[in-house]
């Protein structure tokens, strides 16, 4: 069972999408939950694993989340 390990914090992607992030802790694992919304569309990101691996990969996880942006689904003419 995971329990909150940090206070919720604000996350903003490089394209300006804002959301919330919270780290959770289990007996042998750490996880992170991020929720973002843009123009009525939401996305939830969950990542988890052994605590030492999550610590090692924290910068890469942050970079991946910050790189998210909207996708233009309109066909270009």
N, C-alpha and C. Protein backbone atom coordinates (compact mmCIF):
# COMPACT_ATOMS: atom_id res chain seq x y z
N UNK A 1 0.84 -1.17 0.00
CA UNK A 1 0.00 0.00 0.00
C UNK A 1 0.89 1.24 0.00
N UNK A 2 0.57 2.17 -0.87
CA UNK A 2 1.32 3.42 -0.95
C UNK A 2 0.67 4.49 -0.09
N UNK A 3 1.50 5.33 0.52
CA UNK A 3 1.03 6.47 1.30
C UNK A 3 1.75 7.71 0.81
N UNK A 4 1.10 8.87 0.87
CA UNK A 4 1.77 10.10 0.44
C UNK A 4 3.08 10.30 1.20
N UNK A 5 4.12 10.65 0.44
CA UNK A 5 5.45 10.86 1.04
C UNK A 5 5.87 12.32 0.99
N UNK A 6 5.22 13.09 0.13
CA UNK A 6 5.52 14.52 0.03
C UNK A 6 4.20 15.28 -0.10
N UNK A 7 4.26 16.57 0.14
CA UNK A 7 3.10 17.42 -0.11
C UNK A 7 2.92 17.54 -1.62
N UNK A 8 1.70 17.76 -2.05
CA UNK A 8 1.47 17.98 -3.48
C UNK A 8 2.21 19.23 -3.92
N UNK A 9 2.72 19.17 -5.13
CA UNK A 9 3.41 20.34 -5.68
C UNK A 9 2.90 20.60 -7.09
N UNK A 10 3.08 21.82 -7.54
CA UNK A 10 2.68 22.21 -8.88
C UNK A 10 3.75 21.80 -9.88
N UNK A 11 3.30 21.31 -11.03
CA UNK A 11 4.19 20.93 -12.13
C UNK A 11 3.77 21.73 -13.35
N UNK A 12 4.73 22.28 -14.08
CA UNK A 12 4.45 22.98 -15.32
C UNK A 12 5.37 22.44 -16.41
N UNK A 13 4.77 22.04 -17.53
CA UNK A 13 5.57 21.51 -18.64
C UNK A 13 6.19 22.67 -19.42
N UNK A 14 7.12 22.34 -20.29
CA UNK A 14 7.78 23.37 -21.09
C UNK A 14 6.81 24.08 -22.03
N UNK A 15 5.65 23.45 -22.33
CA UNK A 15 4.65 24.09 -23.19
C UNK A 15 3.61 24.85 -22.37
N UNK A 16 3.77 24.90 -21.04
CA UNK A 16 2.89 25.69 -20.21
C UNK A 16 1.71 24.95 -19.59
N UNK A 17 1.62 23.64 -19.77
CA UNK A 17 0.54 22.87 -19.15
C UNK A 17 0.87 22.72 -17.66
N UNK A 18 -0.12 23.02 -16.81
CA UNK A 18 0.10 22.97 -15.37
C UNK A 18 -0.70 21.84 -14.75
N UNK A 19 -0.13 21.21 -13.74
CA UNK A 19 -0.80 20.13 -13.03
C UNK A 19 -0.23 19.98 -11.63
N UNK A 20 -0.51 18.83 -11.03
CA UNK A 20 -0.03 18.55 -9.68
C UNK A 20 0.75 17.25 -9.67
N UNK A 21 1.67 17.14 -8.70
CA UNK A 21 2.50 15.96 -8.55
C UNK A 21 2.59 15.60 -7.08
N UNK A 22 2.64 14.31 -6.80
CA UNK A 22 2.81 13.85 -5.43
C UNK A 22 3.63 12.56 -5.44
N UNK A 23 4.58 12.47 -4.53
CA UNK A 23 5.37 11.26 -4.36
C UNK A 23 4.70 10.39 -3.31
N UNK A 24 4.67 9.09 -3.58
CA UNK A 24 4.08 8.13 -2.64
C UNK A 24 5.13 7.10 -2.27
N UNK A 25 5.00 6.53 -1.09
CA UNK A 25 5.99 5.58 -0.57
C UNK A 25 5.29 4.31 -0.12
N UNK A 26 5.84 3.16 -0.51
CA UNK A 26 5.38 1.87 -0.03
C UNK A 26 6.48 1.22 0.79
N UNK A 27 6.25 -0.01 1.20
CA UNK A 27 7.23 -0.71 2.03
C UNK A 27 8.58 -0.84 1.33
N UNK A 28 8.57 -1.21 0.06
CA UNK A 28 9.82 -1.43 -0.68
C UNK A 28 9.88 -0.66 -1.98
N UNK A 29 9.01 0.32 -2.15
CA UNK A 29 8.95 1.02 -3.42
C UNK A 29 8.54 2.47 -3.22
N UNK A 30 8.87 3.27 -4.22
CA UNK A 30 8.49 4.67 -4.26
C UNK A 30 7.75 4.90 -5.57
N UNK A 31 6.80 5.79 -5.57
CA UNK A 31 6.07 6.10 -6.78
C UNK A 31 5.82 7.59 -6.90
N UNK A 32 5.34 7.97 -8.05
CA UNK A 32 4.99 9.37 -8.29
C UNK A 32 3.74 9.40 -9.15
N UNK A 33 2.81 10.25 -8.77
CA UNK A 33 1.58 10.43 -9.51
C UNK A 33 1.52 11.89 -9.95
N UNK A 34 1.28 12.11 -11.25
CA UNK A 34 1.18 13.45 -11.80
C UNK A 34 -0.12 13.54 -12.58
N UNK A 35 -0.87 14.61 -12.38
CA UNK A 35 -2.11 14.84 -13.12
C UNK A 35 -2.00 16.20 -13.81
N UNK A 36 -2.29 16.21 -15.12
CA UNK A 36 -2.23 17.43 -15.92
C UNK A 36 -3.54 17.58 -16.68
N UNK A 37 -3.97 18.81 -16.94
CA UNK A 37 -5.12 19.05 -17.80
C UNK A 37 -4.80 20.18 -18.76
N UNK A 38 -5.34 20.06 -19.96
CA UNK A 38 -5.17 21.11 -20.97
C UNK A 38 -6.40 21.13 -21.85
N UNK A 39 -7.09 22.25 -21.88
CA UNK A 39 -8.24 22.44 -22.75
C UNK A 39 -9.28 21.33 -22.57
N UNK A 40 -9.53 20.94 -21.32
CA UNK A 40 -10.54 19.94 -21.03
C UNK A 40 -10.10 18.49 -21.15
N UNK A 41 -8.86 18.26 -21.54
CA UNK A 41 -8.33 16.90 -21.64
C UNK A 41 -7.35 16.67 -20.50
N UNK A 42 -7.49 15.53 -19.83
CA UNK A 42 -6.62 15.23 -18.71
C UNK A 42 -5.72 14.05 -18.98
N UNK A 43 -4.60 14.03 -18.29
CA UNK A 43 -3.69 12.89 -18.37
C UNK A 43 -3.16 12.63 -16.97
N UNK A 44 -3.07 11.35 -16.62
CA UNK A 44 -2.48 10.96 -15.34
C UNK A 44 -1.26 10.11 -15.64
N UNK A 45 -0.18 10.43 -14.98
CA UNK A 45 1.07 9.68 -15.14
C UNK A 45 1.37 9.02 -13.81
N UNK A 46 1.63 7.72 -13.85
CA UNK A 46 2.04 6.99 -12.65
C UNK A 46 3.35 6.29 -12.97
N UNK A 47 4.31 6.46 -12.11
CA UNK A 47 5.59 5.78 -12.27
C UNK A 47 6.01 5.27 -10.90
N UNK A 48 6.57 4.09 -10.86
CA UNK A 48 6.97 3.53 -9.58
C UNK A 48 8.02 2.46 -9.75
N UNK A 49 8.70 2.17 -8.67
CA UNK A 49 9.72 1.13 -8.69
C UNK A 49 10.48 1.12 -7.37
N UNK A 50 11.53 0.32 -7.32
CA UNK A 50 12.36 0.29 -6.12
C UNK A 50 12.87 1.70 -5.80
N UNK A 51 12.90 2.04 -4.54
CA UNK A 51 13.26 3.41 -4.13
C UNK A 51 14.60 3.86 -4.68
N UNK A 52 15.61 2.99 -4.68
CA UNK A 52 16.93 3.40 -5.18
C UNK A 52 16.89 3.70 -6.67
N UNK A 53 16.12 2.95 -7.44
CA UNK A 53 16.00 3.20 -8.88
C UNK A 53 15.22 4.49 -9.14
N UNK A 54 14.18 4.72 -8.37
CA UNK A 54 13.41 5.95 -8.53
C UNK A 54 14.28 7.17 -8.23
N UNK A 55 15.12 7.08 -7.22
CA UNK A 55 16.05 8.17 -6.91
C UNK A 55 17.03 8.38 -8.05
N UNK A 56 17.55 7.29 -8.60
CA UNK A 56 18.54 7.36 -9.69
C UNK A 56 17.93 7.97 -10.95
N UNK A 57 16.65 7.68 -11.21
CA UNK A 57 16.00 8.12 -12.44
C UNK A 57 15.17 9.40 -12.28
N UNK A 58 15.20 10.02 -11.12
CA UNK A 58 14.34 11.18 -10.84
C UNK A 58 14.51 12.30 -11.87
N UNK A 59 15.72 12.63 -12.24
CA UNK A 59 15.95 13.73 -13.20
C UNK A 59 15.37 13.38 -14.57
N UNK A 60 15.50 12.13 -15.00
CA UNK A 60 14.96 11.72 -16.29
C UNK A 60 13.44 11.71 -16.28
N UNK A 61 12.85 11.30 -15.16
CA UNK A 61 11.39 11.31 -15.03
C UNK A 61 10.89 12.75 -15.09
N UNK A 62 11.55 13.66 -14.36
CA UNK A 62 11.18 15.07 -14.40
C UNK A 62 11.27 15.63 -15.82
N UNK A 63 12.33 15.30 -16.52
CA UNK A 63 12.52 15.79 -17.89
C UNK A 63 11.42 15.28 -18.82
N UNK A 64 11.04 14.01 -18.67
CA UNK A 64 9.98 13.45 -19.50
C UNK A 64 8.66 14.18 -19.25
N UNK A 65 8.34 14.41 -17.99
CA UNK A 65 7.09 15.09 -17.65
C UNK A 65 7.11 16.52 -18.19
N UNK A 66 8.21 17.22 -18.03
CA UNK A 66 8.31 18.60 -18.51
C UNK A 66 8.23 18.70 -20.03
N UNK A 67 8.55 17.62 -20.74
CA UNK A 67 8.54 17.65 -22.20
C UNK A 67 7.15 17.47 -22.80
N UNK A 68 6.16 17.12 -21.99
CA UNK A 68 4.82 16.87 -22.52
C UNK A 68 4.18 18.15 -23.03
N UNK A 69 3.43 18.02 -24.12
CA UNK A 69 2.72 19.16 -24.70
C UNK A 69 1.54 18.69 -25.50
N UNK A 70 0.68 19.61 -25.88
CA UNK A 70 -0.51 19.25 -26.66
C UNK A 70 -0.12 18.75 -28.05
N UNK A 71 -0.97 17.90 -28.57
CA UNK A 71 -0.78 17.38 -29.93
C UNK A 71 -1.86 17.98 -30.80
N UNK A 72 -1.48 18.55 -31.92
CA UNK A 72 -2.45 19.12 -32.86
C UNK A 72 -3.02 17.99 -33.70
N UNK A 73 -4.29 17.69 -33.48
CA UNK A 73 -4.92 16.60 -34.23
C UNK A 73 -5.60 17.09 -35.50
N UNK A 74 -5.54 18.40 -35.75
CA UNK A 74 -6.12 18.95 -36.98
C UNK A 74 -5.20 18.61 -38.16
N UNK A 75 -5.79 18.10 -39.21
CA UNK A 75 -5.00 17.78 -40.40
C UNK A 75 -4.55 19.07 -41.08
N UNK A 76 -3.28 19.17 -41.37
CA UNK A 76 -2.73 20.35 -42.03
C UNK A 76 -2.99 20.26 -43.53
N UNK A 77 -3.38 21.40 -44.17
CA UNK A 77 -3.58 21.39 -45.62
C UNK A 77 -2.46 22.08 -46.33
